[in-house]
Amino acid sequence: MDIAKLTDTQTLRREEAARRLHEIADELASGNGFVIERDGIRFDVAVPDEVRMKVEVEIESDEREIEIELTW
């Protein structure tokens, strides 16, 4: 059972997607955890020093997907 869940899907230019990924990486590297705000709700997630990272690439005839998942 989820205590909280946020799913956010947007269409962005490639450069904007890269900028957002950099922001997430910078927050993780800072050691301060990860903060995201949507619709007036603030998610403040503590991230430990070690995480499991899964990178998945799917190629279909009409769509490509890269999924990056961090768990702990």
N, C-alpha and C. Protein backbone atom coordinates (compact mmCIF):
# COMPACT_ATOMS: atom_id res chain seq x y z
N MET A 1 0.84 -1.18 0.00
CA MET A 1 0.00 0.00 0.00
C MET A 1 0.88 1.24 0.00
N ASP A 2 0.65 2.12 -0.96
CA ASP A 2 1.43 3.35 -1.07
C ASP A 2 0.98 4.35 -0.01
N ILE A 3 1.94 4.98 0.65
CA ILE A 3 1.63 6.09 1.55
C ILE A 3 1.42 7.34 0.72
N ALA A 4 2.25 7.51 -0.28
CA ALA A 4 2.13 8.65 -1.20
C ALA A 4 2.71 8.23 -2.53
N LYS A 5 2.13 8.76 -3.60
CA LYS A 5 2.64 8.44 -4.93
C LYS A 5 2.42 9.64 -5.82
N LEU A 6 3.43 9.96 -6.60
CA LEU A 6 3.36 11.06 -7.55
C LEU A 6 3.80 10.53 -8.91
N THR A 7 2.96 10.70 -9.89
CA THR A 7 3.32 10.37 -11.27
C THR A 7 3.13 11.64 -12.08
N ASP A 8 4.16 12.05 -12.76
CA ASP A 8 4.13 13.30 -13.52
C ASP A 8 4.63 13.02 -14.93
N THR A 9 3.77 13.17 -15.90
CA THR A 9 4.14 12.95 -17.30
C THR A 9 3.94 14.25 -18.06
N GLN A 10 4.99 14.70 -18.74
CA GLN A 10 4.93 15.93 -19.51
C GLN A 10 5.66 15.73 -20.83
N THR A 11 5.31 16.55 -21.79
CA THR A 11 6.05 16.58 -23.04
C THR A 11 7.00 17.78 -22.98
N LEU A 12 8.30 17.50 -23.11
CA LEU A 12 9.33 18.53 -22.98
C LEU A 12 10.27 18.47 -24.18
N ARG A 13 10.94 19.57 -24.42
CA ARG A 13 12.03 19.55 -25.39
C ARG A 13 13.17 18.74 -24.76
N ARG A 14 13.98 18.14 -25.57
CA ARG A 14 15.08 17.30 -25.09
C ARG A 14 15.97 18.06 -24.11
N GLU A 15 16.27 19.33 -24.42
CA GLU A 15 17.14 20.14 -23.56
C GLU A 15 16.51 20.37 -22.18
N GLU A 16 15.19 20.57 -22.13
CA GLU A 16 14.50 20.77 -20.86
C GLU A 16 14.51 19.48 -20.04
N ALA A 17 14.31 18.35 -20.70
CA ALA A 17 14.37 17.07 -20.00
C ALA A 17 15.77 16.86 -19.40
N ALA A 18 16.80 17.20 -20.17
CA ALA A 18 18.17 17.08 -19.67
C ALA A 18 18.40 18.00 -18.48
N ARG A 19 17.88 19.23 -18.54
CA ARG A 19 18.03 20.17 -17.42
C ARG A 19 17.38 19.62 -16.16
N ARG A 20 16.20 19.03 -16.29
CA ARG A 20 15.52 18.46 -15.12
C ARG A 20 16.28 17.27 -14.56
N LEU A 21 16.82 16.44 -15.43
CA LEU A 21 17.63 15.32 -14.95
C LEU A 21 18.87 15.82 -14.21
N HIS A 22 19.49 16.90 -14.71
CA HIS A 22 20.64 17.49 -14.02
C HIS A 22 20.23 18.00 -12.64
N GLU A 23 19.08 18.62 -12.53
CA GLU A 23 18.60 19.13 -11.23
C GLU A 23 18.42 17.98 -10.24
N ILE A 24 17.84 16.88 -10.70
CA ILE A 24 17.66 15.71 -9.83
C ILE A 24 19.02 15.16 -9.42
N ALA A 25 19.94 15.04 -10.36
CA ALA A 25 21.28 14.53 -10.06
C ALA A 25 22.00 15.43 -9.05
N ASP A 26 21.87 16.75 -9.23
CA ASP A 26 22.51 17.68 -8.30
C ASP A 26 21.95 17.54 -6.89
N GLU A 27 20.64 17.35 -6.77
CA GLU A 27 20.04 17.17 -5.45
C GLU A 27 20.54 15.89 -4.80
N LEU A 28 20.62 14.82 -5.58
CA LEU A 28 21.12 13.55 -5.03
C LEU A 28 22.57 13.67 -4.60
N ALA A 29 23.39 14.36 -5.41
CA ALA A 29 24.81 14.51 -5.09
C ALA A 29 25.04 15.40 -3.87
N SER A 30 24.11 16.30 -3.60
CA SER A 30 24.29 17.23 -2.48
C SER A 30 24.15 16.54 -1.13
N GLY A 31 23.54 15.35 -1.12
CA GLY A 31 23.35 14.64 0.13
C GLY A 31 22.15 15.12 0.91
N ASN A 32 21.36 16.00 0.32
CA ASN A 32 20.20 16.55 1.03
C ASN A 32 18.90 15.84 0.72
N GLY A 33 18.94 14.76 -0.02
CA GLY A 33 17.71 14.08 -0.40
C GLY A 33 17.13 14.69 -1.65
N PHE A 34 15.85 14.51 -1.83
CA PHE A 34 15.19 14.93 -3.05
C PHE A 34 13.87 15.61 -2.69
N VAL A 35 13.63 16.77 -3.26
CA VAL A 35 12.40 17.52 -3.00
C VAL A 35 11.70 17.79 -4.32
N ILE A 36 10.40 17.53 -4.36
CA ILE A 36 9.60 17.85 -5.54
C ILE A 36 8.26 18.38 -5.06
N GLU A 37 7.77 19.42 -5.71
CA GLU A 37 6.47 20.00 -5.37
C GLU A 37 5.56 19.95 -6.57
N ARG A 38 4.33 19.47 -6.36
CA ARG A 38 3.32 19.44 -7.41
C ARG A 38 1.97 19.74 -6.78
N ASP A 39 1.21 20.61 -7.40
CA ASP A 39 -0.16 20.91 -6.97
C ASP A 39 -0.23 21.27 -5.48
N GLY A 40 0.74 22.04 -5.00
CA GLY A 40 0.73 22.49 -3.62
C GLY A 40 1.16 21.45 -2.60
N ILE A 41 1.58 20.28 -3.06
CA ILE A 41 2.04 19.22 -2.16
C ILE A 41 3.54 19.08 -2.31
N ARG A 42 4.24 19.05 -1.18
CA ARG A 42 5.70 18.94 -1.19
C ARG A 42 6.09 17.52 -0.79
N PHE A 43 6.87 16.87 -1.65
CA PHE A 43 7.42 15.56 -1.36
C PHE A 43 8.89 15.76 -1.01
N ASP A 44 9.26 15.41 0.21
CA ASP A 44 10.64 15.52 0.68
C ASP A 44 11.12 14.10 1.00
N VAL A 45 11.98 13.57 0.14
CA VAL A 45 12.38 12.17 0.23
C VAL A 45 13.84 12.09 0.64
N ALA A 46 14.09 11.47 1.78
CA ALA A 46 15.46 11.24 2.24
C ALA A 46 16.04 10.09 1.42
N VAL A 47 17.25 10.29 0.92
CA VAL A 47 17.91 9.27 0.10
C VAL A 47 19.19 8.84 0.82
N PRO A 48 19.36 7.55 1.05
CA PRO A 48 20.56 7.08 1.75
C PRO A 48 21.81 7.20 0.87
N ASP A 49 22.95 6.94 1.47
CA ASP A 49 24.22 7.04 0.74
C ASP A 49 24.35 6.00 -0.37
N GLU A 50 23.68 4.85 -0.22
CA GLU A 50 23.74 3.82 -1.25
C GLU A 50 22.33 3.50 -1.74
N VAL A 51 22.18 3.41 -3.06
CA VAL A 51 20.90 3.08 -3.68
C VAL A 51 21.13 2.03 -4.76
N ARG A 52 20.07 1.34 -5.14
CA ARG A 52 20.12 0.45 -6.29
C ARG A 52 19.60 1.24 -7.48
N MET A 53 20.29 1.15 -8.61
CA MET A 53 19.87 1.86 -9.80
C MET A 53 19.63 0.87 -10.93
N LYS A 54 18.47 0.99 -11.55
CA LYS A 54 18.10 0.14 -12.67
C LYS A 54 17.85 1.04 -13.88
N VAL A 55 18.47 0.71 -14.99
CA VAL A 55 18.24 1.43 -16.24
C VAL A 55 17.66 0.43 -17.23
N GLU A 56 16.52 0.80 -17.78
CA GLU A 56 15.82 -0.09 -18.70
C GLU A 56 15.57 0.66 -20.01
N VAL A 57 15.87 0.01 -21.12
CA VAL A 57 15.64 0.58 -22.44
C VAL A 57 14.69 -0.35 -23.18
N GLU A 58 13.61 0.21 -23.70
CA GLU A 58 12.65 -0.56 -24.50
C GLU A 58 12.56 0.05 -25.89
N ILE A 59 12.67 -0.79 -26.89
CA ILE A 59 12.54 -0.33 -28.28
C ILE A 59 11.42 -1.11 -28.92
N GLU A 60 10.39 -0.37 -29.30
CA GLU A 60 9.27 -0.96 -30.01
C GLU A 60 9.24 -0.36 -31.42
N SER A 61 8.38 -0.85 -32.26
CA SER A 61 8.37 -0.38 -33.64
C SER A 61 8.07 1.10 -33.76
N ASP A 62 7.25 1.65 -32.86
CA ASP A 62 6.86 3.06 -32.99
C ASP A 62 7.19 3.92 -31.77
N GLU A 63 7.89 3.36 -30.78
CA GLU A 63 8.17 4.12 -29.56
C GLU A 63 9.45 3.62 -28.90
N ARG A 64 10.15 4.54 -28.26
CA ARG A 64 11.36 4.20 -27.49
C ARG A 64 11.14 4.67 -26.06
N GLU A 65 11.72 3.97 -25.10
CA GLU A 65 11.57 4.34 -23.70
C GLU A 65 12.85 4.07 -22.94
N ILE A 66 13.27 5.03 -22.13
CA ILE A 66 14.37 4.85 -21.20
C ILE A 66 13.79 5.09 -19.81
N GLU A 67 13.94 4.13 -18.95
CA GLU A 67 13.41 4.23 -17.60
C GLU A 67 14.57 4.11 -16.62
N ILE A 68 14.69 5.07 -15.72
CA ILE A 68 15.74 5.08 -14.70
C ILE A 68 15.05 4.97 -13.35
N GLU A 69 15.41 3.97 -12.58
CA GLU A 69 14.75 3.74 -11.30
C GLU A 69 15.77 3.63 -10.18
N LEU A 70 15.57 4.38 -9.12
CA LEU A 70 16.40 4.30 -7.92
C LEU A 70 15.53 3.73 -6.81
N THR A 71 16.06 2.72 -6.11
CA THR A 71 15.34 2.14 -4.97
C THR A 71 16.31 1.94 -3.81
N TRP A 72 15.75 1.87 -2.63
CA TRP A 72 16.54 1.60 -1.42
C TRP A 72 15.65 1.02 -0.37
